[in-house]
N, C-alpha and C. Protein backbone atom coordinates (compact mmCIF):
# COMPACT_ATOMS: atom_id res chain seq x y z
N MET A 1 0.85 -1.16 0.00
CA MET A 1 0.00 0.00 0.00
C MET A 1 0.91 1.23 0.00
N GLY A 2 0.59 2.15 -0.89
CA GLY A 2 1.36 3.39 -0.96
C GLY A 2 1.09 4.27 0.24
N ASN A 3 2.02 5.14 0.53
CA ASN A 3 1.83 6.03 1.67
C ASN A 3 1.87 7.50 1.27
N ASN A 4 1.92 7.77 -0.02
CA ASN A 4 1.96 9.16 -0.48
C ASN A 4 0.74 9.48 -1.32
N TRP A 5 0.17 10.66 -1.08
CA TRP A 5 -0.95 11.13 -1.88
C TRP A 5 -0.39 11.78 -3.14
N GLN A 6 -1.08 11.59 -4.25
CA GLN A 6 -0.70 12.22 -5.50
C GLN A 6 -1.79 13.19 -5.91
N SER A 7 -1.46 14.45 -6.07
CA SER A 7 -2.43 15.46 -6.47
C SER A 7 -2.73 15.34 -7.96
N VAL A 8 -4.00 15.49 -8.31
CA VAL A 8 -4.38 15.49 -9.72
C VAL A 8 -4.84 16.88 -10.15
N ASN A 9 -4.52 17.90 -9.33
CA ASN A 9 -4.74 19.30 -9.68
C ASN A 9 -6.18 19.59 -10.10
N PHE A 10 -7.11 19.37 -9.18
CA PHE A 10 -8.53 19.60 -9.47
C PHE A 10 -9.24 19.84 -8.15
N GLN A 11 -10.21 20.74 -8.13
CA GLN A 11 -10.98 20.99 -6.92
C GLN A 11 -12.43 20.57 -7.14
N CYS A 12 -12.96 19.82 -6.20
CA CYS A 12 -14.35 19.37 -6.29
C CYS A 12 -14.92 19.22 -4.89
N THR A 13 -16.23 19.02 -4.83
CA THR A 13 -16.88 18.79 -3.54
C THR A 13 -17.27 17.34 -3.34
N GLN A 14 -17.28 16.57 -4.42
CA GLN A 14 -17.69 15.17 -4.30
C GLN A 14 -17.13 14.38 -5.47
N ILE A 15 -16.66 13.14 -5.21
CA ILE A 15 -16.15 12.28 -6.27
C ILE A 15 -16.75 10.88 -6.13
N SER A 16 -16.69 10.13 -7.23
CA SER A 16 -17.08 8.72 -7.19
C SER A 16 -16.14 7.95 -8.11
N VAL A 17 -15.71 6.79 -7.62
CA VAL A 17 -14.77 5.95 -8.34
C VAL A 17 -15.37 4.57 -8.53
N SER A 18 -15.20 4.01 -9.72
CA SER A 18 -15.57 2.62 -9.97
C SER A 18 -14.34 1.90 -10.48
N SER A 19 -13.76 1.06 -9.63
CA SER A 19 -12.58 0.30 -10.06
C SER A 19 -12.97 -0.82 -11.02
N ALA A 20 -14.25 -1.20 -11.04
CA ALA A 20 -14.71 -2.26 -11.93
C ALA A 20 -14.58 -1.86 -13.39
N ASP A 21 -14.72 -0.54 -13.68
CA ASP A 21 -14.64 -0.10 -15.07
C ASP A 21 -13.77 1.14 -15.24
N ASN A 22 -12.85 1.38 -14.29
CA ASN A 22 -11.89 2.47 -14.37
C ASN A 22 -12.54 3.82 -14.64
N GLN A 23 -13.53 4.16 -13.86
CA GLN A 23 -14.24 5.43 -14.01
C GLN A 23 -14.02 6.30 -12.78
N LEU A 24 -13.88 7.60 -13.02
CA LEU A 24 -13.79 8.59 -11.96
C LEU A 24 -14.58 9.81 -12.41
N TRP A 25 -15.61 10.15 -11.64
CA TRP A 25 -16.46 11.31 -11.91
C TRP A 25 -16.42 12.23 -10.71
N ALA A 26 -16.64 13.53 -10.94
CA ALA A 26 -16.57 14.51 -9.86
C ALA A 26 -17.59 15.63 -10.07
N VAL A 27 -17.97 16.27 -8.96
CA VAL A 27 -18.89 17.41 -8.99
C VAL A 27 -18.20 18.57 -8.28
N LYS A 28 -18.22 19.74 -8.90
CA LYS A 28 -17.67 20.95 -8.28
C LYS A 28 -18.74 21.63 -7.44
N SER A 29 -18.34 22.61 -6.65
CA SER A 29 -19.27 23.30 -5.75
C SER A 29 -20.38 24.03 -6.50
N ASP A 30 -20.14 24.43 -7.74
CA ASP A 30 -21.18 25.11 -8.52
C ASP A 30 -22.09 24.13 -9.27
N GLY A 31 -21.89 22.82 -9.07
CA GLY A 31 -22.73 21.80 -9.68
C GLY A 31 -22.22 21.24 -10.99
N THR A 32 -21.15 21.81 -11.54
CA THR A 32 -20.64 21.28 -12.80
C THR A 32 -20.08 19.88 -12.60
N VAL A 33 -20.24 19.07 -13.64
CA VAL A 33 -19.90 17.66 -13.60
C VAL A 33 -18.68 17.40 -14.50
N PHE A 34 -17.76 16.59 -13.98
CA PHE A 34 -16.56 16.24 -14.75
C PHE A 34 -16.32 14.74 -14.64
N ARG A 35 -15.61 14.22 -15.63
CA ARG A 35 -15.13 12.85 -15.56
C ARG A 35 -13.66 12.84 -15.93
N ARG A 36 -12.93 11.91 -15.36
CA ARG A 36 -11.50 11.80 -15.61
C ARG A 36 -11.30 10.88 -16.82
N THR A 37 -10.52 11.33 -17.79
CA THR A 37 -10.26 10.51 -18.97
C THR A 37 -8.90 9.82 -18.83
N GLY A 38 -8.70 8.76 -19.60
CA GLY A 38 -7.42 8.08 -19.64
C GLY A 38 -7.11 7.23 -18.43
N VAL A 39 -8.11 6.91 -17.61
CA VAL A 39 -7.87 6.08 -16.43
C VAL A 39 -7.80 4.61 -16.86
N ASN A 40 -6.72 3.94 -16.50
CA ASN A 40 -6.57 2.51 -16.78
C ASN A 40 -5.54 1.93 -15.82
N CYS A 41 -5.27 0.65 -15.92
CA CYS A 41 -4.37 0.02 -14.95
C CYS A 41 -2.94 0.52 -15.09
N LEU A 42 -2.55 1.00 -16.26
CA LEU A 42 -1.21 1.54 -16.44
C LEU A 42 -1.11 3.01 -16.05
N ASN A 43 -2.26 3.70 -16.03
CA ASN A 43 -2.30 5.11 -15.67
C ASN A 43 -3.50 5.35 -14.76
N PRO A 44 -3.43 4.90 -13.51
CA PRO A 44 -4.60 4.94 -12.62
C PRO A 44 -5.09 6.34 -12.27
N VAL A 45 -4.27 7.38 -12.44
CA VAL A 45 -4.75 8.73 -12.16
C VAL A 45 -5.34 9.40 -13.40
N GLY A 46 -5.23 8.74 -14.55
CA GLY A 46 -5.80 9.30 -15.78
C GLY A 46 -4.98 10.42 -16.34
N THR A 47 -5.58 11.11 -17.34
CA THR A 47 -4.83 12.15 -18.04
C THR A 47 -5.43 13.54 -17.91
N THR A 48 -6.72 13.70 -18.14
CA THR A 48 -7.34 15.02 -18.11
C THR A 48 -8.75 14.94 -17.53
N TRP A 49 -9.27 16.12 -17.16
CA TRP A 49 -10.66 16.25 -16.72
C TRP A 49 -11.49 16.73 -17.90
N GLU A 50 -12.62 16.09 -18.13
CA GLU A 50 -13.54 16.47 -19.20
C GLU A 50 -14.86 16.91 -18.57
N GLN A 51 -15.31 18.13 -18.89
CA GLN A 51 -16.59 18.59 -18.37
C GLN A 51 -17.72 17.88 -19.11
N VAL A 52 -18.72 17.49 -18.34
CA VAL A 52 -19.90 16.80 -18.88
C VAL A 52 -21.10 17.70 -18.62
N ASP A 53 -22.03 17.75 -19.55
CA ASP A 53 -23.21 18.60 -19.35
C ASP A 53 -23.97 18.17 -18.10
N GLY A 54 -24.74 19.09 -17.56
CA GLY A 54 -25.55 18.80 -16.38
C GLY A 54 -25.08 19.54 -15.16
N SER A 55 -25.92 19.52 -14.12
CA SER A 55 -25.62 20.15 -12.85
C SER A 55 -26.12 19.24 -11.74
N LEU A 56 -25.21 18.83 -10.85
CA LEU A 56 -25.53 17.90 -9.77
C LEU A 56 -24.89 18.35 -8.47
N VAL A 57 -25.37 17.79 -7.36
CA VAL A 57 -24.73 17.99 -6.07
C VAL A 57 -24.05 16.70 -5.59
N GLN A 58 -24.43 15.57 -6.19
CA GLN A 58 -23.88 14.29 -5.79
C GLN A 58 -23.88 13.36 -6.99
N ILE A 59 -22.86 12.50 -7.10
CA ILE A 59 -22.73 11.61 -8.26
C ILE A 59 -22.21 10.26 -7.81
N SER A 60 -22.57 9.21 -8.55
CA SER A 60 -22.06 7.88 -8.29
C SER A 60 -21.88 7.15 -9.61
N VAL A 61 -20.76 6.46 -9.76
CA VAL A 61 -20.48 5.69 -10.96
C VAL A 61 -20.25 4.23 -10.58
N GLY A 62 -20.85 3.34 -11.35
CA GLY A 62 -20.69 1.91 -11.14
C GLY A 62 -21.14 1.18 -12.38
N LEU A 63 -21.11 -0.12 -12.34
CA LEU A 63 -21.52 -0.89 -13.52
C LEU A 63 -22.98 -0.67 -13.88
N ALA A 64 -23.80 -0.23 -12.92
CA ALA A 64 -25.19 0.10 -13.22
C ALA A 64 -25.32 1.51 -13.81
N GLY A 65 -24.19 2.14 -14.12
CA GLY A 65 -24.18 3.43 -14.79
C GLY A 65 -23.83 4.57 -13.87
N VAL A 66 -23.92 5.78 -14.44
CA VAL A 66 -23.66 7.00 -13.70
C VAL A 66 -25.00 7.57 -13.25
N TRP A 67 -25.15 7.77 -11.95
CA TRP A 67 -26.37 8.29 -11.34
C TRP A 67 -26.01 9.55 -10.56
N GLY A 68 -26.95 10.47 -10.45
CA GLY A 68 -26.67 11.69 -9.72
C GLY A 68 -27.90 12.27 -9.07
N ILE A 69 -27.66 13.21 -8.15
CA ILE A 69 -28.72 13.93 -7.46
C ILE A 69 -28.54 15.41 -7.78
N GLY A 70 -29.63 16.05 -8.21
CA GLY A 70 -29.61 17.48 -8.48
C GLY A 70 -29.88 18.28 -7.22
N LYS A 71 -29.69 19.60 -7.28
CA LYS A 71 -29.90 20.44 -6.10
C LYS A 71 -31.35 20.43 -5.65
N ASP A 72 -32.25 20.00 -6.53
CA ASP A 72 -33.67 19.89 -6.21
C ASP A 72 -34.05 18.52 -5.66
N ASN A 73 -33.04 17.69 -5.36
CA ASN A 73 -33.19 16.31 -4.89
C ASN A 73 -33.77 15.36 -5.94
N ASN A 74 -33.86 15.82 -7.19
CA ASN A 74 -34.26 14.92 -8.26
C ASN A 74 -33.13 13.96 -8.56
N THR A 75 -33.50 12.75 -8.96
CA THR A 75 -32.54 11.71 -9.29
C THR A 75 -32.37 11.67 -10.80
N TYR A 76 -31.12 11.52 -11.24
CA TYR A 76 -30.82 11.49 -12.67
C TYR A 76 -29.92 10.30 -13.01
N TYR A 77 -30.09 9.81 -14.23
CA TYR A 77 -29.27 8.72 -14.76
C TYR A 77 -28.64 9.20 -16.06
N ARG A 78 -27.37 8.90 -16.25
CA ARG A 78 -26.66 9.25 -17.47
C ARG A 78 -26.83 8.12 -18.49
N THR A 79 -27.57 8.40 -19.57
CA THR A 79 -27.88 7.35 -20.55
C THR A 79 -26.62 6.79 -21.19
N ASN A 80 -26.72 5.51 -21.50
CA ASN A 80 -25.64 4.76 -22.16
C ASN A 80 -24.37 4.63 -21.33
N THR A 81 -24.50 4.60 -20.01
CA THR A 81 -23.33 4.41 -19.16
C THR A 81 -23.37 3.10 -18.37
N SER A 82 -24.43 2.32 -18.50
CA SER A 82 -24.53 1.10 -17.70
C SER A 82 -24.07 -0.12 -18.47
N GLN A 83 -23.89 -1.18 -17.73
CA GLN A 83 -23.51 -2.46 -18.31
C GLN A 83 -24.62 -3.00 -19.22
N TYR A 84 -25.81 -2.44 -19.11
CA TYR A 84 -26.95 -2.91 -19.90
C TYR A 84 -27.05 -2.25 -21.28
N GLU A 85 -26.33 -1.16 -21.51
CA GLU A 85 -26.56 -0.36 -22.71
C GLU A 85 -25.39 -0.31 -23.68
N GLY A 86 -24.47 -1.20 -23.59
CA GLY A 86 -23.32 -1.13 -24.47
C GLY A 86 -22.22 -0.25 -23.93
N TYR A 87 -22.50 0.47 -22.88
CA TYR A 87 -21.50 1.13 -22.06
C TYR A 87 -20.61 2.12 -22.82
N ASP A 88 -21.05 3.32 -22.90
CA ASP A 88 -20.26 4.44 -23.40
C ASP A 88 -19.79 5.21 -22.17
N GLU A 89 -18.49 5.38 -21.99
CA GLU A 89 -17.96 5.97 -20.77
C GLU A 89 -18.57 7.32 -20.42
N VAL A 90 -18.77 8.18 -21.41
CA VAL A 90 -19.28 9.52 -21.11
C VAL A 90 -20.80 9.58 -21.16
N GLY A 91 -21.43 8.66 -21.85
CA GLY A 91 -22.88 8.66 -21.97
C GLY A 91 -23.38 9.70 -22.95
N THR A 92 -24.70 9.81 -23.05
CA THR A 92 -25.28 10.68 -24.07
C THR A 92 -26.23 11.72 -23.53
N GLY A 93 -26.51 11.76 -22.26
CA GLY A 93 -27.39 12.76 -21.69
C GLY A 93 -27.96 12.29 -20.36
N TRP A 94 -28.57 13.22 -19.64
CA TRP A 94 -29.17 12.90 -18.35
C TRP A 94 -30.67 12.75 -18.52
N ILE A 95 -31.23 11.74 -17.87
CA ILE A 95 -32.69 11.61 -17.83
C ILE A 95 -33.14 11.58 -16.37
N HIS A 96 -34.29 12.18 -16.12
CA HIS A 96 -34.85 12.21 -14.78
C HIS A 96 -35.42 10.84 -14.45
N VAL A 97 -35.11 10.36 -13.26
CA VAL A 97 -35.66 9.11 -12.74
C VAL A 97 -36.55 9.49 -11.56
N PRO A 98 -37.83 9.14 -11.60
CA PRO A 98 -38.72 9.52 -10.50
C PRO A 98 -38.16 9.11 -9.13
N GLY A 99 -38.30 9.99 -8.18
CA GLY A 99 -37.82 9.73 -6.83
C GLY A 99 -37.01 10.90 -6.32
N SER A 100 -37.37 11.42 -5.16
CA SER A 100 -36.67 12.54 -4.55
C SER A 100 -35.68 11.98 -3.54
N MET A 101 -34.38 12.00 -3.89
CA MET A 101 -33.35 11.39 -3.06
C MET A 101 -32.30 12.42 -2.68
N ARG A 102 -31.51 12.09 -1.66
CA ARG A 102 -30.42 12.96 -1.22
C ARG A 102 -29.06 12.34 -1.49
N ASP A 103 -29.00 11.02 -1.68
CA ASP A 103 -27.74 10.33 -1.91
C ASP A 103 -28.04 9.08 -2.73
N VAL A 104 -27.18 8.76 -3.69
CA VAL A 104 -27.38 7.59 -4.54
C VAL A 104 -26.03 6.90 -4.74
N THR A 105 -26.06 5.58 -4.89
CA THR A 105 -24.84 4.82 -5.16
C THR A 105 -25.14 3.74 -6.19
N SER A 106 -24.25 3.64 -7.18
CA SER A 106 -24.39 2.71 -8.30
C SER A 106 -23.37 1.60 -8.16
N GLY A 107 -23.84 0.37 -8.33
CA GLY A 107 -22.94 -0.78 -8.21
C GLY A 107 -23.10 -1.73 -9.38
N ASN A 108 -22.91 -3.00 -9.12
CA ASN A 108 -23.02 -4.04 -10.13
C ASN A 108 -24.45 -4.57 -10.14
N ARG A 109 -25.23 -4.11 -11.11
CA ARG A 109 -26.64 -4.50 -11.28
C ARG A 109 -27.53 -4.03 -10.11
N VAL A 110 -27.10 -2.98 -9.41
CA VAL A 110 -27.88 -2.49 -8.28
C VAL A 110 -27.64 -1.00 -8.08
N VAL A 111 -28.69 -0.30 -7.66
CA VAL A 111 -28.60 1.12 -7.30
C VAL A 111 -29.36 1.30 -5.99
N TRP A 112 -28.73 1.96 -5.02
CA TRP A 112 -29.33 2.24 -3.74
C TRP A 112 -29.37 3.76 -3.54
N ALA A 113 -30.31 4.24 -2.74
CA ALA A 113 -30.42 5.67 -2.47
C ALA A 113 -31.04 5.90 -1.11
N THR A 114 -30.85 7.13 -0.61
CA THR A 114 -31.51 7.57 0.62
C THR A 114 -32.25 8.87 0.31
N ASP A 115 -33.31 9.12 1.08
CA ASP A 115 -34.07 10.35 0.88
C ASP A 115 -33.84 11.31 2.06
N ASP A 116 -34.54 12.43 2.06
CA ASP A 116 -34.35 13.43 3.11
C ASP A 116 -34.77 12.96 4.50
N SER A 117 -35.59 11.91 4.55
CA SER A 117 -35.98 11.33 5.84
C SER A 117 -35.02 10.21 6.26
N TYR A 118 -33.95 10.03 5.48
CA TYR A 118 -32.94 8.99 5.68
C TYR A 118 -33.47 7.59 5.44
N ASP A 119 -34.63 7.49 4.76
CA ASP A 119 -35.13 6.17 4.38
C ASP A 119 -34.24 5.60 3.29
N LEU A 120 -34.10 4.29 3.28
CA LEU A 120 -33.24 3.58 2.34
C LEU A 120 -34.10 2.97 1.23
N TRP A 121 -33.63 3.13 -0.02
CA TRP A 121 -34.37 2.67 -1.20
C TRP A 121 -33.45 1.88 -2.12
N ALA A 122 -33.99 0.80 -2.70
CA ALA A 122 -33.27 0.02 -3.70
C ALA A 122 -34.02 0.13 -5.02
N ARG A 123 -33.29 0.40 -6.10
CA ARG A 123 -33.92 0.51 -7.42
C ARG A 123 -34.18 -0.90 -7.93
N GLN A 124 -35.41 -1.15 -8.35
CA GLN A 124 -35.83 -2.46 -8.82
C GLN A 124 -35.96 -2.47 -10.35
N GLY A 125 -35.84 -3.66 -10.93
CA GLY A 125 -36.10 -3.84 -12.35
C GLY A 125 -35.00 -3.40 -13.28
N LEU A 126 -33.77 -3.22 -12.78
CA LEU A 126 -32.66 -2.87 -13.66
C LEU A 126 -32.37 -4.03 -14.61
N CYS A 127 -32.37 -3.75 -15.91
CA CYS A 127 -32.10 -4.79 -16.90
C CYS A 127 -31.80 -4.13 -18.25
N TYR A 128 -31.52 -4.95 -19.25
CA TYR A 128 -31.20 -4.42 -20.58
C TYR A 128 -32.35 -3.59 -21.15
N ASP A 129 -33.59 -4.00 -20.92
CA ASP A 129 -34.74 -3.25 -21.43
C ASP A 129 -35.07 -2.03 -20.61
N ALA A 130 -34.57 -1.97 -19.38
CA ALA A 130 -34.85 -0.84 -18.48
C ALA A 130 -33.61 -0.53 -17.65
N PRO A 131 -32.59 0.13 -18.25
CA PRO A 131 -31.35 0.39 -17.49
C PRO A 131 -31.55 1.31 -16.29
N THR A 132 -32.67 2.06 -16.26
CA THR A 132 -32.97 2.89 -15.09
C THR A 132 -33.88 2.15 -14.11
N GLY A 133 -34.26 0.94 -14.45
CA GLY A 133 -35.14 0.17 -13.58
C GLY A 133 -36.59 0.59 -13.72
N THR A 134 -37.41 0.07 -12.82
CA THR A 134 -38.85 0.32 -12.91
C THR A 134 -39.40 1.12 -11.73
N HIS A 135 -38.82 0.95 -10.54
CA HIS A 135 -39.34 1.66 -9.37
C HIS A 135 -38.36 1.53 -8.20
N TRP A 136 -38.57 2.40 -7.21
CA TRP A 136 -37.81 2.33 -5.96
C TRP A 136 -38.59 1.48 -4.96
N GLU A 137 -37.89 0.61 -4.27
CA GLU A 137 -38.50 -0.19 -3.21
C GLU A 137 -37.86 0.20 -1.87
N LYS A 138 -38.72 0.56 -0.92
CA LYS A 138 -38.22 0.96 0.39
C LYS A 138 -37.68 -0.27 1.13
N VAL A 139 -36.52 -0.08 1.75
CA VAL A 139 -35.84 -1.16 2.46
C VAL A 139 -35.68 -0.73 3.92
N ASN A 140 -35.78 -1.66 4.83
CA ASN A 140 -35.64 -1.37 6.24
C ASN A 140 -34.28 -0.74 6.52
N GLY A 141 -34.28 0.39 7.19
CA GLY A 141 -33.04 1.05 7.55
C GLY A 141 -33.14 2.56 7.39
N LYS A 142 -32.35 3.27 8.17
CA LYS A 142 -32.28 4.73 8.11
C LYS A 142 -30.82 5.12 7.97
N LEU A 143 -30.47 5.65 6.78
CA LEU A 143 -29.10 6.05 6.52
C LEU A 143 -29.08 7.38 5.80
N MET A 144 -28.06 8.19 6.06
CA MET A 144 -27.99 9.47 5.36
C MET A 144 -27.05 9.42 4.17
N ALA A 145 -26.13 8.46 4.13
CA ALA A 145 -25.22 8.30 2.99
C ALA A 145 -24.92 6.83 2.80
N VAL A 146 -24.81 6.42 1.53
CA VAL A 146 -24.57 5.01 1.21
C VAL A 146 -23.49 4.89 0.14
N SER A 147 -22.81 3.74 0.13
CA SER A 147 -21.81 3.45 -0.88
C SER A 147 -21.73 1.94 -1.07
N ILE A 148 -21.62 1.52 -2.33
CA ILE A 148 -21.58 0.09 -2.66
C ILE A 148 -20.13 -0.36 -2.83
N ASP A 149 -19.81 -1.51 -2.23
CA ASP A 149 -18.55 -2.20 -2.47
C ASP A 149 -18.87 -3.37 -3.39
N THR A 150 -18.61 -3.22 -4.68
CA THR A 150 -18.99 -4.26 -5.63
C THR A 150 -18.11 -5.50 -5.52
N LEU A 151 -16.92 -5.38 -4.95
CA LEU A 151 -16.05 -6.53 -4.79
C LEU A 151 -16.63 -7.54 -3.80
N THR A 152 -17.22 -7.03 -2.70
CA THR A 152 -17.78 -7.92 -1.68
C THR A 152 -19.30 -7.96 -1.70
N ASN A 153 -19.93 -7.27 -2.68
CA ASN A 153 -21.40 -7.20 -2.75
C ASN A 153 -22.01 -6.72 -1.45
N ALA A 154 -21.49 -5.61 -0.96
CA ALA A 154 -22.00 -5.06 0.30
C ALA A 154 -22.39 -3.60 0.10
N LEU A 155 -23.42 -3.21 0.84
CA LEU A 155 -23.83 -1.81 0.92
C LEU A 155 -23.35 -1.28 2.26
N TRP A 156 -22.63 -0.18 2.22
CA TRP A 156 -22.17 0.48 3.43
C TRP A 156 -22.93 1.79 3.58
N GLY A 157 -23.19 2.19 4.79
CA GLY A 157 -23.88 3.45 5.01
C GLY A 157 -23.61 4.00 6.39
N CYS A 158 -23.90 5.30 6.55
CA CYS A 158 -23.81 5.90 7.87
C CYS A 158 -25.11 6.62 8.17
N ASN A 159 -25.45 6.61 9.44
CA ASN A 159 -26.70 7.25 9.84
C ASN A 159 -26.44 8.69 10.26
N ASP A 160 -27.47 9.35 10.75
CA ASP A 160 -27.37 10.77 11.07
C ASP A 160 -26.54 11.08 12.32
N ILE A 161 -26.16 10.06 13.08
CA ILE A 161 -25.27 10.31 14.22
C ILE A 161 -23.89 9.70 13.98
N GLY A 162 -23.62 9.30 12.73
CA GLY A 162 -22.28 8.86 12.35
C GLY A 162 -21.98 7.39 12.49
N LYS A 163 -22.95 6.58 12.93
CA LYS A 163 -22.71 5.15 13.03
C LYS A 163 -22.68 4.52 11.64
N ILE A 164 -21.74 3.60 11.42
CA ILE A 164 -21.57 2.94 10.13
C ILE A 164 -22.20 1.56 10.17
N TYR A 165 -22.89 1.22 9.08
CA TYR A 165 -23.54 -0.08 8.95
C TYR A 165 -23.15 -0.72 7.64
N LYS A 166 -23.19 -2.06 7.61
CA LYS A 166 -22.90 -2.83 6.41
C LYS A 166 -24.03 -3.82 6.18
N ARG A 167 -24.40 -3.99 4.91
CA ARG A 167 -25.45 -4.93 4.55
C ARG A 167 -25.04 -5.65 3.26
N ASN A 168 -25.09 -6.97 3.28
CA ASN A 168 -24.86 -7.72 2.05
C ASN A 168 -26.14 -7.70 1.24
N TYR A 169 -26.01 -7.64 -0.06
CA TYR A 169 -27.20 -7.64 -0.91
C TYR A 169 -27.15 -8.74 -1.91
């Protein structure tokens, strides 16, 4: 394990990394969205930042595609970024996905989210015919932030008082 941080000369308020498909996306404080190009096993920090259309406060990248939350708590999906759609790294546009969420995480064939009441939701029906799925299903639990570990098939989250929880899915 390395012990030195390497700067990539960029300022943002939130990032998401998917080691499964060498993706790195970021959101700046003004809501602009960027993705890192040239990321691969030989160049893990990539080469340049590319601005992507749209405005978000939170973003997540995984094999289920790039998902984000707007400042209005609307949920968005970046078309053509999932394992179901032929997978174009940058995608072709944002589409609104019904559901008012505060945090979203994209993994391998799964998307989880939390809302302003810290309720936990799992996106159902993700498939080739419906890469955004069909609906949100409420799941037992109260979390304010979630993140998927696709290597171990686990959902990690923290609640409003900072306690961390893990759930296999």
